[in-house]
């Protein structure tokens, strides 16, 4: 990568005229890379949460459909399940 090339150049030519500017660019590139990694991790976490929510909603729909089908067949409300 260009960053690796720049690092190698700086190691072999630490006192060249553009060393400080090149160091600055390398640091900037590293910070951007770190930020991209953070954003990727955040998006992966959001995707995981989204998938969990979708699964939970699907399970709830399946659970409710059994009672909907029972009500449709009986046409009578079942007894209160809590009491």
N, C-alpha and C. Protein backbone atom coordinates (compact mmCIF):
# COMPACT_ATOMS: atom_id res chain seq x y z
N UNK A 1 0.83 -1.19 0.00
CA UNK A 1 0.00 0.00 0.00
C UNK A 1 0.88 1.25 0.00
N UNK A 2 0.27 2.35 -0.31
CA UNK A 2 1.00 3.63 -0.36
C UNK A 2 1.52 4.02 1.02
N UNK A 3 0.74 3.70 2.05
CA UNK A 3 1.16 4.02 3.42
C UNK A 3 2.41 3.22 3.78
N UNK A 4 2.42 1.94 3.42
CA UNK A 4 3.59 1.11 3.71
C UNK A 4 4.82 1.62 2.94
N UNK A 5 4.60 2.01 1.70
CA UNK A 5 5.71 2.57 0.91
C UNK A 5 6.26 3.83 1.57
N UNK A 6 5.36 4.67 2.05
CA UNK A 6 5.78 5.91 2.70
C UNK A 6 6.56 5.62 3.98
N UNK A 7 6.09 4.63 4.75
CA UNK A 7 6.80 4.27 5.99
C UNK A 7 8.21 3.76 5.68
N UNK A 8 8.31 2.91 4.67
CA UNK A 8 9.63 2.38 4.29
C UNK A 8 10.56 3.51 3.83
N UNK A 9 9.99 4.43 3.07
CA UNK A 9 10.78 5.57 2.60
C UNK A 9 11.28 6.39 3.78
N UNK A 10 10.40 6.64 4.76
CA UNK A 10 10.77 7.44 5.92
C UNK A 10 11.84 6.75 6.77
N UNK A 11 11.77 5.43 6.85
CA UNK A 11 12.78 4.69 7.61
C UNK A 11 14.14 4.82 6.92
N UNK A 12 14.14 4.73 5.61
CA UNK A 12 15.41 4.80 4.89
C UNK A 12 15.90 6.23 4.67
N UNK A 13 15.00 7.22 4.75
CA UNK A 13 15.37 8.63 4.54
C UNK A 13 14.72 9.51 5.61
N UNK A 14 15.06 9.31 6.88
CA UNK A 14 14.36 10.04 7.95
C UNK A 14 14.60 11.55 7.95
N UNK A 15 15.66 12.00 7.33
CA UNK A 15 15.96 13.44 7.40
C UNK A 15 15.74 14.16 6.07
N UNK A 16 14.97 13.56 5.17
CA UNK A 16 14.72 14.24 3.90
C UNK A 16 13.80 15.44 4.13
N UNK A 17 13.78 16.34 3.18
CA UNK A 17 13.04 17.61 3.33
C UNK A 17 11.54 17.41 3.52
N UNK A 18 10.99 16.37 2.93
CA UNK A 18 9.54 16.18 3.01
C UNK A 18 9.12 15.18 4.09
N UNK A 19 10.05 14.80 4.96
CA UNK A 19 9.76 13.77 5.98
C UNK A 19 8.62 14.17 6.90
N UNK A 20 8.62 15.41 7.38
CA UNK A 20 7.56 15.81 8.32
C UNK A 20 6.20 15.82 7.63
N UNK A 21 6.17 16.30 6.38
CA UNK A 21 4.90 16.32 5.65
C UNK A 21 4.43 14.89 5.36
N UNK A 22 5.35 14.03 4.99
CA UNK A 22 5.01 12.64 4.70
C UNK A 22 4.53 11.93 5.96
N UNK A 23 5.20 12.19 7.09
CA UNK A 23 4.75 11.62 8.37
C UNK A 23 3.33 12.06 8.68
N UNK A 24 3.05 13.31 8.44
CA UNK A 24 1.72 13.85 8.68
C UNK A 24 0.68 13.14 7.81
N UNK A 25 1.01 12.91 6.55
CA UNK A 25 0.09 12.23 5.63
C UNK A 25 -0.13 10.77 6.05
N UNK A 26 0.94 10.12 6.50
CA UNK A 26 0.82 8.74 6.97
C UNK A 26 -0.10 8.69 8.19
N UNK A 27 0.10 9.61 9.14
CA UNK A 27 -0.76 9.66 10.33
C UNK A 27 -2.21 9.90 9.94
N UNK A 28 -2.42 10.80 9.01
CA UNK A 28 -3.78 11.11 8.54
C UNK A 28 -4.42 9.87 7.91
N UNK A 29 -3.67 9.16 7.09
CA UNK A 29 -4.18 7.94 6.45
C UNK A 29 -4.52 6.88 7.49
N UNK A 30 -3.66 6.75 8.51
CA UNK A 30 -3.92 5.78 9.57
C UNK A 30 -5.17 6.13 10.36
N UNK A 31 -5.37 7.41 10.64
CA UNK A 31 -6.57 7.85 11.36
C UNK A 31 -7.83 7.57 10.54
N UNK A 32 -7.76 7.82 9.24
CA UNK A 32 -8.91 7.55 8.37
C UNK A 32 -9.22 6.06 8.33
N UNK A 33 -8.17 5.25 8.25
CA UNK A 33 -8.35 3.80 8.23
C UNK A 33 -9.00 3.32 9.53
N UNK A 34 -8.53 3.86 10.65
CA UNK A 34 -9.11 3.51 11.95
C UNK A 34 -10.58 3.89 12.01
N UNK A 35 -10.90 5.07 11.49
CA UNK A 35 -12.30 5.53 11.48
C UNK A 35 -13.17 4.63 10.61
N UNK A 36 -12.66 4.23 9.47
CA UNK A 36 -13.40 3.32 8.59
C UNK A 36 -13.66 1.99 9.30
N UNK A 37 -12.65 1.49 10.01
CA UNK A 37 -12.82 0.25 10.78
C UNK A 37 -13.90 0.42 11.84
N UNK A 38 -13.91 1.55 12.54
CA UNK A 38 -14.92 1.81 13.56
C UNK A 38 -16.31 1.85 12.94
N UNK A 39 -16.44 2.52 11.80
CA UNK A 39 -17.73 2.59 11.12
C UNK A 39 -18.19 1.21 10.66
N UNK A 40 -17.26 0.41 10.18
CA UNK A 40 -17.59 -0.95 9.75
C UNK A 40 -18.08 -1.78 10.93
N UNK A 41 -17.40 -1.68 12.06
CA UNK A 41 -17.82 -2.42 13.25
C UNK A 41 -19.20 -1.98 13.70
N UNK A 42 -19.46 -0.67 13.67
CA UNK A 42 -20.76 -0.16 14.07
C UNK A 42 -21.85 -0.65 13.12
N UNK A 43 -21.55 -0.66 11.83
CA UNK A 43 -22.56 -1.12 10.87
C UNK A 43 -22.81 -2.62 11.02
N UNK A 44 -21.78 -3.38 11.34
CA UNK A 44 -21.96 -4.82 11.57
C UNK A 44 -22.82 -5.06 12.81
N UNK A 45 -22.62 -4.27 13.84
CA UNK A 45 -23.43 -4.38 15.06
C UNK A 45 -24.89 -4.03 14.76
N UNK A 46 -25.10 -2.98 13.98
CA UNK A 46 -26.46 -2.59 13.61
C UNK A 46 -27.13 -3.67 12.77
N UNK A 47 -26.39 -4.28 11.87
CA UNK A 47 -26.93 -5.36 11.06
C UNK A 47 -27.30 -6.55 11.93
N UNK A 48 -26.44 -6.89 12.88
CA UNK A 48 -26.72 -7.99 13.80
C UNK A 48 -27.99 -7.71 14.59
N UNK A 49 -28.12 -6.48 15.11
CA UNK A 49 -29.32 -6.11 15.87
C UNK A 49 -30.55 -6.14 14.99
N UNK A 50 -30.42 -5.69 13.77
CA UNK A 50 -31.54 -5.70 12.82
C UNK A 50 -31.99 -7.13 12.54
N UNK A 51 -31.04 -8.03 12.36
CA UNK A 51 -31.38 -9.44 12.12
C UNK A 51 -32.05 -10.06 13.34
N UNK A 52 -31.59 -9.71 14.53
CA UNK A 52 -32.21 -10.22 15.75
C UNK A 52 -33.64 -9.70 15.88
N UNK A 53 -33.84 -8.44 15.57
CA UNK A 53 -35.18 -7.85 15.62
C UNK A 53 -36.10 -8.53 14.61
N UNK A 54 -35.60 -8.74 13.41
CA UNK A 54 -36.40 -9.40 12.37
C UNK A 54 -36.80 -10.81 12.81
N UNK A 55 -35.87 -11.54 13.40
CA UNK A 55 -36.15 -12.89 13.89
C UNK A 55 -37.19 -12.84 15.00
N UNK A 56 -37.03 -11.90 15.92
CA UNK A 56 -37.98 -11.76 17.02
C UNK A 56 -39.38 -11.42 16.50
N UNK A 57 -39.46 -10.52 15.55
CA UNK A 57 -40.76 -10.16 14.97
C UNK A 57 -41.39 -11.35 14.25
N UNK A 58 -40.58 -12.11 13.54
CA UNK A 58 -41.09 -13.29 12.84
C UNK A 58 -41.60 -14.32 13.84
N UNK A 59 -40.86 -14.52 14.93
CA UNK A 59 -41.30 -15.45 15.97
C UNK A 59 -42.61 -14.98 16.60
N UNK A 60 -42.73 -13.68 16.84
CA UNK A 60 -43.97 -13.13 17.39
C UNK A 60 -45.13 -13.32 16.43
N UNK A 61 -44.89 -13.12 15.17
CA UNK A 61 -45.94 -13.30 14.15
C UNK A 61 -46.39 -14.76 14.12
N UNK A 62 -45.43 -15.68 14.16
CA UNK A 62 -45.75 -17.11 14.16
C UNK A 62 -46.55 -17.48 15.40
N UNK A 63 -46.13 -16.96 16.54
CA UNK A 63 -46.83 -17.23 17.80
C UNK A 63 -48.26 -16.73 17.74
N UNK A 64 -48.45 -15.50 17.28
CA UNK A 64 -49.79 -14.92 17.20
C UNK A 64 -50.66 -15.63 16.18
N UNK A 65 -50.07 -16.10 15.10
CA UNK A 65 -50.88 -16.74 14.06
C UNK A 65 -51.54 -18.01 14.57
N UNK A 66 -50.90 -18.70 15.53
CA UNK A 66 -51.55 -19.90 16.08
C UNK A 66 -52.83 -19.53 16.80
N UNK A 67 -52.83 -18.42 17.54
CA UNK A 67 -54.05 -17.98 18.23
C UNK A 67 -55.07 -17.42 17.25
N UNK A 68 -54.60 -16.73 16.23
CA UNK A 68 -55.52 -16.22 15.21
C UNK A 68 -56.24 -17.36 14.52
N UNK A 69 -55.50 -18.41 14.19
CA UNK A 69 -56.11 -19.58 13.54
C UNK A 69 -57.11 -20.26 14.47
N UNK A 70 -56.75 -20.36 15.75
CA UNK A 70 -57.65 -20.99 16.72
C UNK A 70 -58.93 -20.16 16.85
N UNK A 71 -58.79 -18.85 16.93
CA UNK A 71 -59.96 -17.97 17.03
C UNK A 71 -60.82 -18.06 15.78
N UNK A 72 -60.19 -18.15 14.64
CA UNK A 72 -60.94 -18.24 13.39
C UNK A 72 -61.75 -19.53 13.33
N UNK A 73 -61.20 -20.60 13.88
CA UNK A 73 -61.92 -21.89 13.88
C UNK A 73 -63.03 -21.90 14.93
N UNK A 74 -62.74 -21.38 16.12
CA UNK A 74 -63.71 -21.46 17.23
C UNK A 74 -64.71 -20.32 17.21
N UNK A 75 -64.31 -19.18 16.69
CA UNK A 75 -65.12 -17.96 16.71
C UNK A 75 -65.51 -17.57 18.14
N UNK A 76 -64.72 -18.01 19.11
CA UNK A 76 -64.93 -17.67 20.51
C UNK A 76 -63.57 -17.31 21.10
N UNK A 77 -63.54 -16.28 21.92
CA UNK A 77 -62.29 -15.88 22.55
C UNK A 77 -61.88 -16.93 23.58
N UNK A 78 -60.62 -17.33 23.62
CA UNK A 78 -60.17 -18.31 24.63
C UNK A 78 -60.15 -17.67 26.02
N UNK A 79 -60.07 -18.52 27.02
CA UNK A 79 -60.00 -18.03 28.40
C UNK A 79 -58.73 -17.22 28.57
N UNK A 80 -58.73 -16.31 29.55
CA UNK A 80 -57.56 -15.49 29.84
C UNK A 80 -56.41 -16.40 30.24
N UNK A 81 -55.30 -16.34 29.51
CA UNK A 81 -54.17 -17.22 29.76
C UNK A 81 -53.41 -16.85 31.03
N UNK A 82 -53.53 -15.61 31.49
CA UNK A 82 -52.77 -15.15 32.65
C UNK A 82 -53.39 -15.64 33.96
N UNK A 83 -54.69 -15.69 34.04
CA UNK A 83 -55.36 -16.05 35.30
C UNK A 83 -55.44 -17.53 35.53
